[in-house]
Amino acid sequence: MFNGCKLAYWGVMSMKFASTLLVLGLALAGCKGGEKASTTATMEQDGVKAVVEITEPWCRPTPNGAQAGACYLTVKSNVANKVTGIATPLAGTSMIHDMSMDGGMMKMAEMTGGLPLVANQAVRLAPGGKHIMLMGLTGPLVEGVTVPLTLTFEATPAMTVQAVVRQPKP
């Protein structure tokens, strides 16, 4: 289990090898209680070093029979970037949704154009706002297990994080 552990992903120099190096590069960098889970991907192209960091990935537990679930995290890029996709083997479809108020009604909709990332500004996906929606779950999300989430980006390699299933913190 990766709960409370820091993960690191090092040195992807080419998109061609990103998925292979991602699997090989995920390593346990230190398991100390209370640390925030973190994954970083770095890519250098044409003299520009792009770094994406994902912290605090987690998913809400679902009851048996639920076909949908939600996951949350914080993502930050040092260059203008965009999250263009999400995937997990635990759901048929994964997407980024945004929640908003419209005429006193809460509405939820897929962000079909992706999630824009402004350079050096963290974007927090959290309950009641932007979040990762998992549809067609293969089974319930049970507290304590991890959900692999692979995020694809416009300007950097894909990254996989392990989101712990837990109750929301107060």
N, C-alpha and C. Protein backbone atom coordinates (compact mmCIF):
# COMPACT_ATOMS: atom_id res chain seq x y z
N MET A 1 0.86 -1.18 0.00
CA MET A 1 0.00 0.00 0.00
C MET A 1 0.89 1.23 0.00
N PHE A 2 0.50 2.29 -0.69
CA PHE A 2 1.31 3.49 -0.82
C PHE A 2 0.85 4.60 0.10
N ASN A 3 -0.11 4.35 0.99
CA ASN A 3 -0.64 5.38 1.87
C ASN A 3 0.48 5.93 2.73
N GLY A 4 0.67 7.23 2.72
CA GLY A 4 1.68 7.89 3.53
C GLY A 4 3.08 7.77 2.97
N CYS A 5 3.25 7.22 1.82
CA CYS A 5 4.57 7.05 1.23
C CYS A 5 4.77 8.06 0.12
N LYS A 6 6.02 8.40 -0.11
CA LYS A 6 6.32 9.35 -1.19
C LYS A 6 6.81 8.56 -2.39
N LEU A 7 6.19 8.82 -3.54
CA LEU A 7 6.56 8.15 -4.78
C LEU A 7 7.30 9.14 -5.66
N ALA A 8 8.20 8.61 -6.47
CA ALA A 8 8.90 9.48 -7.41
C ALA A 8 9.02 8.81 -8.76
N TYR A 9 8.98 9.61 -9.78
CA TYR A 9 9.15 9.14 -11.15
C TYR A 9 10.22 10.01 -11.79
N TRP A 10 11.29 9.35 -12.25
CA TRP A 10 12.42 10.13 -12.72
C TRP A 10 12.64 10.01 -14.21
N GLY A 11 13.07 11.12 -14.80
CA GLY A 11 13.70 11.22 -16.09
C GLY A 11 13.06 10.61 -17.31
N VAL A 12 12.01 11.13 -17.79
CA VAL A 12 11.49 10.69 -19.09
C VAL A 12 12.01 11.69 -20.12
N MET A 13 12.82 11.19 -21.05
CA MET A 13 13.40 12.09 -22.04
C MET A 13 12.66 12.02 -23.37
N SER A 14 11.83 11.02 -23.55
CA SER A 14 11.13 10.93 -24.83
C SER A 14 9.75 10.33 -24.61
N MET A 15 8.78 10.85 -25.35
CA MET A 15 7.42 10.36 -25.23
C MET A 15 7.35 8.87 -25.60
N LYS A 16 8.22 8.41 -26.49
CA LYS A 16 8.20 7.03 -26.95
C LYS A 16 8.42 6.05 -25.80
N PHE A 17 9.26 6.43 -24.86
CA PHE A 17 9.59 5.53 -23.76
C PHE A 17 8.85 5.87 -22.47
N ALA A 18 7.95 6.83 -22.52
CA ALA A 18 7.29 7.32 -21.30
C ALA A 18 6.58 6.22 -20.53
N SER A 19 5.77 5.41 -21.20
CA SER A 19 5.01 4.41 -20.46
C SER A 19 5.91 3.35 -19.86
N THR A 20 6.97 2.93 -20.57
CA THR A 20 7.89 1.93 -20.04
C THR A 20 8.64 2.48 -18.84
N LEU A 21 9.19 3.69 -18.97
CA LEU A 21 9.94 4.27 -17.88
C LEU A 21 9.05 4.62 -16.70
N LEU A 22 7.81 4.93 -16.97
CA LEU A 22 6.89 5.24 -15.89
C LEU A 22 6.74 4.04 -14.97
N VAL A 23 6.54 2.87 -15.56
CA VAL A 23 6.37 1.66 -14.76
C VAL A 23 7.66 1.35 -14.02
N LEU A 24 8.81 1.45 -14.71
CA LEU A 24 10.09 1.14 -14.09
C LEU A 24 10.53 2.19 -13.08
N GLY A 25 10.13 3.45 -13.33
CA GLY A 25 10.63 4.54 -12.52
C GLY A 25 9.88 4.79 -11.24
N LEU A 26 8.66 4.25 -11.11
CA LEU A 26 7.94 4.43 -9.85
C LEU A 26 8.70 3.69 -8.76
N ALA A 27 9.08 4.38 -7.74
CA ALA A 27 9.86 3.74 -6.68
C ALA A 27 9.43 4.30 -5.33
N LEU A 28 9.53 3.47 -4.34
CA LEU A 28 9.22 3.91 -2.99
C LEU A 28 10.41 4.70 -2.48
N ALA A 29 10.22 5.98 -2.18
CA ALA A 29 11.33 6.83 -1.78
C ALA A 29 11.39 7.02 -0.27
N GLY A 30 10.47 6.51 0.46
CA GLY A 30 10.51 6.64 1.92
C GLY A 30 9.12 6.57 2.49
N CYS A 31 8.90 5.67 3.42
CA CYS A 31 7.58 5.48 4.01
C CYS A 31 7.58 6.01 5.42
N LYS A 32 7.18 7.23 5.60
CA LYS A 32 7.11 7.83 6.92
C LYS A 32 5.68 8.25 7.13
N GLY A 33 5.09 7.82 8.22
CA GLY A 33 3.70 8.15 8.50
C GLY A 33 3.45 9.64 8.39
N GLY A 34 2.34 10.00 7.77
CA GLY A 34 1.94 11.40 7.70
C GLY A 34 2.42 12.15 6.48
N GLU A 35 3.39 11.57 5.73
CA GLU A 35 3.84 12.26 4.52
C GLU A 35 2.76 12.25 3.47
N LYS A 36 2.73 13.27 2.65
CA LYS A 36 1.78 13.33 1.54
C LYS A 36 2.33 12.52 0.38
N ALA A 37 1.46 11.73 -0.25
CA ALA A 37 1.87 10.99 -1.44
C ALA A 37 2.15 12.00 -2.55
N SER A 38 3.24 11.79 -3.29
CA SER A 38 3.62 12.73 -4.33
C SER A 38 4.26 11.97 -5.48
N THR A 39 3.94 12.35 -6.70
CA THR A 39 4.56 11.77 -7.89
C THR A 39 4.96 12.92 -8.79
N THR A 40 6.17 12.82 -9.34
CA THR A 40 6.69 13.88 -10.20
C THR A 40 7.17 13.28 -11.52
N ALA A 41 6.87 13.94 -12.63
CA ALA A 41 7.40 13.55 -13.95
C ALA A 41 8.15 14.75 -14.51
N THR A 42 9.29 14.47 -15.09
CA THR A 42 10.13 15.51 -15.67
C THR A 42 10.45 15.14 -17.12
N MET A 43 10.45 16.15 -17.97
CA MET A 43 10.80 15.93 -19.37
C MET A 43 11.54 17.16 -19.86
N GLU A 44 12.61 16.93 -20.62
CA GLU A 44 13.34 18.06 -21.21
C GLU A 44 13.33 17.91 -22.71
N GLN A 45 12.91 18.98 -23.36
CA GLN A 45 12.85 18.97 -24.82
C GLN A 45 13.20 20.37 -25.32
N ASP A 46 14.09 20.43 -26.27
CA ASP A 46 14.53 21.71 -26.85
C ASP A 46 14.99 22.69 -25.79
N GLY A 47 15.67 22.17 -24.76
CA GLY A 47 16.22 23.02 -23.71
C GLY A 47 15.21 23.49 -22.67
N VAL A 48 13.95 23.05 -22.78
CA VAL A 48 12.93 23.44 -21.81
C VAL A 48 12.63 22.24 -20.93
N LYS A 49 12.78 22.44 -19.61
CA LYS A 49 12.52 21.37 -18.65
C LYS A 49 11.09 21.52 -18.12
N ALA A 50 10.26 20.53 -18.39
CA ALA A 50 8.87 20.54 -17.93
C ALA A 50 8.73 19.57 -16.77
N VAL A 51 8.11 20.02 -15.70
CA VAL A 51 7.92 19.20 -14.50
C VAL A 51 6.45 19.26 -14.09
N VAL A 52 5.86 18.09 -13.89
CA VAL A 52 4.49 17.99 -13.38
C VAL A 52 4.55 17.25 -12.06
N GLU A 53 3.86 17.77 -11.06
CA GLU A 53 3.79 17.11 -9.76
C GLU A 53 2.33 16.87 -9.39
N ILE A 54 2.04 15.66 -8.94
CA ILE A 54 0.71 15.31 -8.46
C ILE A 54 0.84 14.93 -6.99
N THR A 55 0.03 15.57 -6.15
CA THR A 55 0.08 15.28 -4.71
C THR A 55 -1.31 14.92 -4.20
N GLU A 56 -1.32 14.25 -3.07
CA GLU A 56 -2.51 13.89 -2.33
C GLU A 56 -3.62 13.23 -3.16
N PRO A 57 -3.28 12.20 -3.96
CA PRO A 57 -4.34 11.51 -4.69
C PRO A 57 -5.15 10.60 -3.76
N TRP A 58 -6.48 10.68 -3.87
CA TRP A 58 -7.34 9.81 -3.06
C TRP A 58 -8.69 9.64 -3.74
N CYS A 59 -9.39 8.59 -3.37
CA CYS A 59 -10.73 8.32 -3.90
C CYS A 59 -11.68 8.08 -2.73
N ARG A 60 -12.93 8.41 -2.95
CA ARG A 60 -13.97 8.20 -1.94
C ARG A 60 -14.46 6.75 -2.03
N PRO A 61 -14.67 6.07 -0.89
CA PRO A 61 -15.22 4.72 -0.93
C PRO A 61 -16.62 4.72 -1.55
N THR A 62 -16.97 3.61 -2.21
CA THR A 62 -18.30 3.47 -2.82
C THR A 62 -19.01 2.28 -2.19
N PRO A 63 -20.33 2.33 -2.14
CA PRO A 63 -21.08 1.17 -1.64
C PRO A 63 -21.10 0.06 -2.71
N ASN A 64 -21.33 -1.18 -2.26
CA ASN A 64 -21.47 -2.29 -3.22
C ASN A 64 -22.54 -1.95 -4.24
N GLY A 65 -22.26 -2.27 -5.48
CA GLY A 65 -23.24 -2.04 -6.54
C GLY A 65 -23.15 -0.67 -7.19
N ALA A 66 -22.38 0.24 -6.60
CA ALA A 66 -22.24 1.58 -7.19
C ALA A 66 -21.51 1.46 -8.53
N GLN A 67 -21.98 2.16 -9.52
CA GLN A 67 -21.36 2.15 -10.84
C GLN A 67 -20.46 3.35 -11.09
N ALA A 68 -20.43 4.28 -10.13
CA ALA A 68 -19.62 5.50 -10.29
C ALA A 68 -18.89 5.81 -8.99
N GLY A 69 -17.74 6.43 -9.12
CA GLY A 69 -16.96 6.86 -7.97
C GLY A 69 -16.21 8.14 -8.31
N ALA A 70 -15.63 8.76 -7.28
CA ALA A 70 -14.92 10.03 -7.48
C ALA A 70 -13.54 9.97 -6.83
N CYS A 71 -12.58 10.59 -7.50
CA CYS A 71 -11.21 10.69 -6.99
C CYS A 71 -10.76 12.14 -7.05
N TYR A 72 -9.77 12.46 -6.22
CA TYR A 72 -9.32 13.83 -6.08
C TYR A 72 -7.79 13.85 -5.99
N LEU A 73 -7.20 14.99 -6.32
CA LEU A 73 -5.75 15.17 -6.23
C LEU A 73 -5.43 16.64 -6.48
N THR A 74 -4.16 16.97 -6.33
CA THR A 74 -3.67 18.30 -6.69
C THR A 74 -2.59 18.11 -7.75
N VAL A 75 -2.65 18.91 -8.82
CA VAL A 75 -1.68 18.81 -9.90
C VAL A 75 -1.09 20.18 -10.18
N LYS A 76 0.23 20.20 -10.43
CA LYS A 76 0.93 21.45 -10.70
C LYS A 76 1.98 21.21 -11.78
N SER A 77 2.06 22.12 -12.73
CA SER A 77 3.04 22.05 -13.81
C SER A 77 3.86 23.34 -13.82
N ASN A 78 5.15 23.24 -14.12
CA ASN A 78 5.96 24.45 -14.18
C ASN A 78 5.87 25.15 -15.53
N VAL A 79 5.15 24.52 -16.48
CA VAL A 79 4.91 25.11 -17.80
C VAL A 79 3.42 25.05 -18.10
N ALA A 80 2.95 25.88 -19.01
CA ALA A 80 1.54 25.80 -19.42
C ALA A 80 1.30 24.38 -19.95
N ASN A 81 0.25 23.76 -19.50
CA ASN A 81 0.01 22.35 -19.79
C ASN A 81 -1.49 22.09 -19.71
N LYS A 82 -1.88 20.87 -19.94
CA LYS A 82 -3.30 20.50 -19.83
C LYS A 82 -3.39 19.01 -19.55
N VAL A 83 -4.27 18.62 -18.62
CA VAL A 83 -4.60 17.22 -18.43
C VAL A 83 -5.58 16.87 -19.54
N THR A 84 -5.20 15.95 -20.41
CA THR A 84 -6.04 15.62 -21.56
C THR A 84 -6.81 14.32 -21.39
N GLY A 85 -6.46 13.53 -20.38
CA GLY A 85 -7.17 12.27 -20.18
C GLY A 85 -6.84 11.62 -18.86
N ILE A 86 -7.72 10.72 -18.44
CA ILE A 86 -7.56 9.95 -17.21
C ILE A 86 -7.95 8.52 -17.53
N ALA A 87 -7.23 7.54 -16.97
CA ALA A 87 -7.60 6.14 -17.17
C ALA A 87 -7.28 5.34 -15.91
N THR A 88 -8.06 4.30 -15.69
CA THR A 88 -7.81 3.34 -14.62
C THR A 88 -8.38 2.00 -15.05
N PRO A 89 -7.73 0.91 -14.69
CA PRO A 89 -8.29 -0.40 -15.04
C PRO A 89 -9.53 -0.75 -14.21
N LEU A 90 -9.85 0.06 -13.21
CA LEU A 90 -10.97 -0.22 -12.31
C LEU A 90 -12.29 0.39 -12.78
N ALA A 91 -12.29 1.09 -13.93
CA ALA A 91 -13.51 1.72 -14.44
C ALA A 91 -13.53 1.68 -15.96
N GLY A 92 -14.72 1.58 -16.53
CA GLY A 92 -14.86 1.59 -17.97
C GLY A 92 -14.52 2.93 -18.58
N THR A 93 -14.88 4.01 -17.88
CA THR A 93 -14.64 5.37 -18.35
C THR A 93 -14.17 6.23 -17.19
N SER A 94 -13.20 7.09 -17.45
CA SER A 94 -12.71 8.05 -16.46
C SER A 94 -12.66 9.41 -17.11
N MET A 95 -13.09 10.43 -16.39
CA MET A 95 -13.09 11.78 -16.96
C MET A 95 -13.00 12.81 -15.84
N ILE A 96 -12.65 14.04 -16.22
CA ILE A 96 -12.63 15.14 -15.26
C ILE A 96 -13.96 15.86 -15.35
N HIS A 97 -14.59 16.04 -14.21
CA HIS A 97 -15.86 16.76 -14.13
C HIS A 97 -15.66 18.04 -13.36
N ASP A 98 -16.53 19.00 -13.60
CA ASP A 98 -16.55 20.24 -12.82
C ASP A 98 -17.97 20.41 -12.28
N MET A 99 -18.07 20.90 -11.06
CA MET A 99 -19.36 21.17 -10.46
C MET A 99 -19.51 22.68 -10.35
N SER A 100 -20.73 23.17 -10.61
CA SER A 100 -20.98 24.60 -10.52
C SER A 100 -22.42 24.83 -10.11
N MET A 101 -22.70 26.02 -9.64
CA MET A 101 -24.06 26.40 -9.29
C MET A 101 -24.66 27.18 -10.46
N ASP A 102 -25.89 26.84 -10.83
CA ASP A 102 -26.58 27.52 -11.91
C ASP A 102 -28.04 27.70 -11.48
N GLY A 103 -28.41 28.93 -11.16
CA GLY A 103 -29.78 29.21 -10.74
C GLY A 103 -30.18 28.46 -9.48
N GLY A 104 -29.25 28.33 -8.55
CA GLY A 104 -29.54 27.61 -7.30
C GLY A 104 -29.45 26.11 -7.41
N MET A 105 -29.10 25.60 -8.59
CA MET A 105 -28.98 24.15 -8.80
C MET A 105 -27.51 23.79 -8.99
N MET A 106 -27.07 22.72 -8.32
CA MET A 106 -25.72 22.22 -8.51
C MET A 106 -25.70 21.39 -9.79
N LYS A 107 -24.77 21.72 -10.69
CA LYS A 107 -24.64 20.99 -11.94
C LYS A 107 -23.24 20.38 -12.04
N MET A 108 -23.18 19.21 -12.66
CA MET A 108 -21.91 18.54 -12.88
C MET A 108 -21.79 18.23 -14.36
N ALA A 109 -20.62 18.52 -14.94
CA ALA A 109 -20.41 18.27 -16.36
C ALA A 109 -18.96 17.90 -16.63
N GLU A 110 -18.76 17.07 -17.66
CA GLU A 110 -17.42 16.69 -18.07
C GLU A 110 -16.69 17.90 -18.65
N MET A 111 -15.41 18.02 -18.34
CA MET A 111 -14.57 19.07 -18.92
C MET A 111 -14.00 18.48 -20.22
N THR A 112 -14.77 18.58 -21.29
CA THR A 112 -14.42 17.92 -22.55
C THR A 112 -13.13 18.45 -23.18
N GLY A 113 -12.75 19.67 -22.88
CA GLY A 113 -11.53 20.25 -23.43
C GLY A 113 -10.30 19.96 -22.59
N GLY A 114 -10.45 19.18 -21.52
CA GLY A 114 -9.34 18.89 -20.62
C GLY A 114 -9.26 19.89 -19.48
N LEU A 115 -8.30 19.67 -18.61
CA LEU A 115 -8.10 20.53 -17.44
C LEU A 115 -6.86 21.39 -17.67
N PRO A 116 -7.06 22.70 -17.93
CA PRO A 116 -5.91 23.57 -18.18
C PRO A 116 -5.06 23.74 -16.92
N LEU A 117 -3.74 23.77 -17.13
CA LEU A 117 -2.79 24.00 -16.04
C LEU A 117 -1.97 25.24 -16.37
N VAL A 118 -2.12 26.27 -15.57
CA VAL A 118 -1.33 27.50 -15.72
C VAL A 118 0.02 27.23 -15.07
N ALA A 119 1.09 27.68 -15.69
CA ALA A 119 2.43 27.44 -15.17
C ALA A 119 2.55 27.87 -13.71
N ASN A 120 3.08 26.98 -12.90
CA ASN A 120 3.38 27.21 -11.48
C ASN A 120 2.16 27.48 -10.60
N GLN A 121 0.97 27.11 -11.05
CA GLN A 121 -0.23 27.25 -10.22
C GLN A 121 -0.86 25.87 -10.00
N ALA A 122 -0.97 25.48 -8.74
CA ALA A 122 -1.56 24.19 -8.41
C ALA A 122 -3.07 24.23 -8.67
N VAL A 123 -3.59 23.13 -9.21
CA VAL A 123 -5.03 22.97 -9.41
C VAL A 123 -5.47 21.83 -8.50
N ARG A 124 -6.38 22.14 -7.61
CA ARG A 124 -6.84 21.15 -6.63
C ARG A 124 -8.19 20.60 -7.06
N LEU A 125 -8.25 19.29 -7.26
CA LEU A 125 -9.50 18.60 -7.51
C LEU A 125 -10.01 18.16 -6.15
N ALA A 126 -11.21 18.60 -5.77
CA ALA A 126 -11.70 18.38 -4.41
C ALA A 126 -13.22 18.19 -4.42
N PRO A 127 -13.76 17.56 -3.37
CA PRO A 127 -15.22 17.40 -3.29
C PRO A 127 -15.92 18.75 -3.44
N GLY A 128 -17.00 18.77 -4.20
CA GLY A 128 -17.77 19.99 -4.43
C GLY A 128 -17.25 20.84 -5.57
N GLY A 129 -16.19 20.39 -6.24
CA GLY A 129 -15.61 21.15 -7.35
C GLY A 129 -15.14 20.21 -8.44
N LYS A 130 -14.02 20.55 -9.05
CA LYS A 130 -13.46 19.69 -10.07
C LYS A 130 -13.05 18.36 -9.43
N HIS A 131 -13.28 17.25 -10.15
CA HIS A 131 -12.94 15.94 -9.63
C HIS A 131 -12.80 14.94 -10.77
N ILE A 132 -12.24 13.80 -10.47
CA ILE A 132 -12.13 12.71 -11.43
C ILE A 132 -13.35 11.81 -11.22
N MET A 133 -14.10 11.58 -12.27
CA MET A 133 -15.29 10.74 -12.21
C MET A 133 -14.97 9.40 -12.84
N LEU A 134 -15.18 8.32 -12.09
CA LEU A 134 -14.98 6.97 -12.59
C LEU A 134 -16.36 6.36 -12.85
N MET A 135 -16.61 5.96 -14.08
CA MET A 135 -17.91 5.39 -14.46
C MET A 135 -17.71 3.94 -14.89
N GLY A 136 -18.71 3.11 -14.59
CA GLY A 136 -18.61 1.69 -14.94
C GLY A 136 -17.57 0.98 -14.11
N LEU A 137 -17.61 1.20 -12.80
CA LEU A 137 -16.65 0.56 -11.90
C LEU A 137 -16.72 -0.96 -12.02
N THR A 138 -15.56 -1.60 -11.93
CA THR A 138 -15.50 -3.06 -12.00
C THR A 138 -15.81 -3.69 -10.64
N GLY A 139 -15.84 -2.89 -9.60
CA GLY A 139 -16.15 -3.34 -8.25
C GLY A 139 -16.15 -2.13 -7.34
N PRO A 140 -16.54 -2.32 -6.07
CA PRO A 140 -16.58 -1.17 -5.16
C PRO A 140 -15.18 -0.66 -4.84
N LEU A 141 -15.08 0.62 -4.56
CA LEU A 141 -13.82 1.22 -4.08
C LEU A 141 -13.85 1.08 -2.56
N VAL A 142 -13.00 0.20 -2.04
CA VAL A 142 -13.01 -0.16 -0.64
C VAL A 142 -11.92 0.60 0.11
N GLU A 143 -12.29 1.15 1.25
CA GLU A 143 -11.35 1.93 2.05
C GLU A 143 -10.07 1.14 2.31
N GLY A 144 -8.92 1.81 2.09
CA GLY A 144 -7.62 1.22 2.34
C GLY A 144 -6.92 0.67 1.11
N VAL A 145 -7.65 0.39 0.03
CA VAL A 145 -6.99 -0.09 -1.19
C VAL A 145 -6.55 1.10 -2.03
N THR A 146 -5.75 0.85 -3.05
CA THR A 146 -5.31 1.94 -3.92
C THR A 146 -5.89 1.77 -5.31
N VAL A 147 -6.10 2.90 -5.97
CA VAL A 147 -6.64 2.95 -7.32
C VAL A 147 -5.56 3.57 -8.21
N PRO A 148 -5.05 2.82 -9.21
CA PRO A 148 -4.08 3.43 -10.12
C PRO A 148 -4.80 4.38 -11.09
N LEU A 149 -4.35 5.62 -11.13
CA LEU A 149 -4.91 6.62 -12.04
C LEU A 149 -3.79 7.08 -12.97
N THR A 150 -3.99 6.92 -14.27
CA THR A 150 -3.00 7.39 -15.25
C THR A 150 -3.53 8.66 -15.89
N LEU A 151 -2.79 9.74 -15.71
CA LEU A 151 -3.15 11.03 -16.29
C LEU A 151 -2.29 11.27 -17.51
N THR A 152 -2.92 11.73 -18.60
CA THR A 152 -2.16 12.11 -19.79
C THR A 152 -2.20 13.63 -19.91
N PHE A 153 -1.12 14.17 -20.47
CA PHE A 153 -0.94 15.62 -20.54
C PHE A 153 -0.64 16.05 -21.96
N GLU A 154 -0.88 17.31 -22.22
CA GLU A 154 -0.59 17.89 -23.53
C GLU A 154 0.92 18.10 -23.73
N ALA A 155 1.63 18.53 -22.67
CA ALA A 155 3.03 18.94 -22.83
C ALA A 155 4.04 18.06 -22.12
N THR A 156 3.60 17.04 -21.42
CA THR A 156 4.52 16.18 -20.67
C THR A 156 4.04 14.74 -20.75
N PRO A 157 4.90 13.79 -20.35
CA PRO A 157 4.52 12.38 -20.43
C PRO A 157 3.36 12.02 -19.50
N ALA A 158 2.72 10.91 -19.78
CA ALA A 158 1.67 10.39 -18.91
C ALA A 158 2.27 10.01 -17.56
N MET A 159 1.46 10.08 -16.52
CA MET A 159 1.89 9.72 -15.17
C MET A 159 0.84 8.83 -14.53
N THR A 160 1.29 7.87 -13.73
CA THR A 160 0.37 7.04 -12.97
C THR A 160 0.61 7.32 -11.49
N VAL A 161 -0.48 7.57 -10.77
CA VAL A 161 -0.42 7.75 -9.32
C VAL A 161 -1.29 6.69 -8.67
N GLN A 162 -1.00 6.39 -7.42
CA GLN A 162 -1.79 5.44 -6.65
C GLN A 162 -2.65 6.24 -5.67
N ALA A 163 -3.95 6.26 -5.90
CA ALA A 163 -4.88 7.01 -5.05
C ALA A 163 -5.44 6.08 -3.99
N VAL A 164 -5.24 6.42 -2.74
CA VAL A 164 -5.75 5.62 -1.63
C VAL A 164 -7.25 5.87 -1.47
N VAL A 165 -8.01 4.82 -1.28
CA VAL A 165 -9.44 4.97 -1.04
C VAL A 165 -9.62 5.24 0.45
N ARG A 166 -10.26 6.36 0.77
CA ARG A 166 -10.45 6.78 2.16
C ARG A 166 -11.65 7.71 2.28
N GLN A 167 -12.08 7.94 3.49
CA GLN A 167 -13.12 8.91 3.76
C GLN A 167 -12.53 10.32 3.65
N PRO A 168 -13.33 11.31 3.29
CA PRO A 168 -12.82 12.69 3.24
C PRO A 168 -12.35 13.15 4.61
N LYS A 169 -11.28 13.93 4.63
CA LYS A 169 -10.81 14.51 5.90
C LYS A 169 -11.67 15.70 6.23
N PRO A 170 -11.97 15.92 7.53
CA PRO A 170 -12.82 17.06 7.89
C PRO A 170 -12.16 18.39 7.59
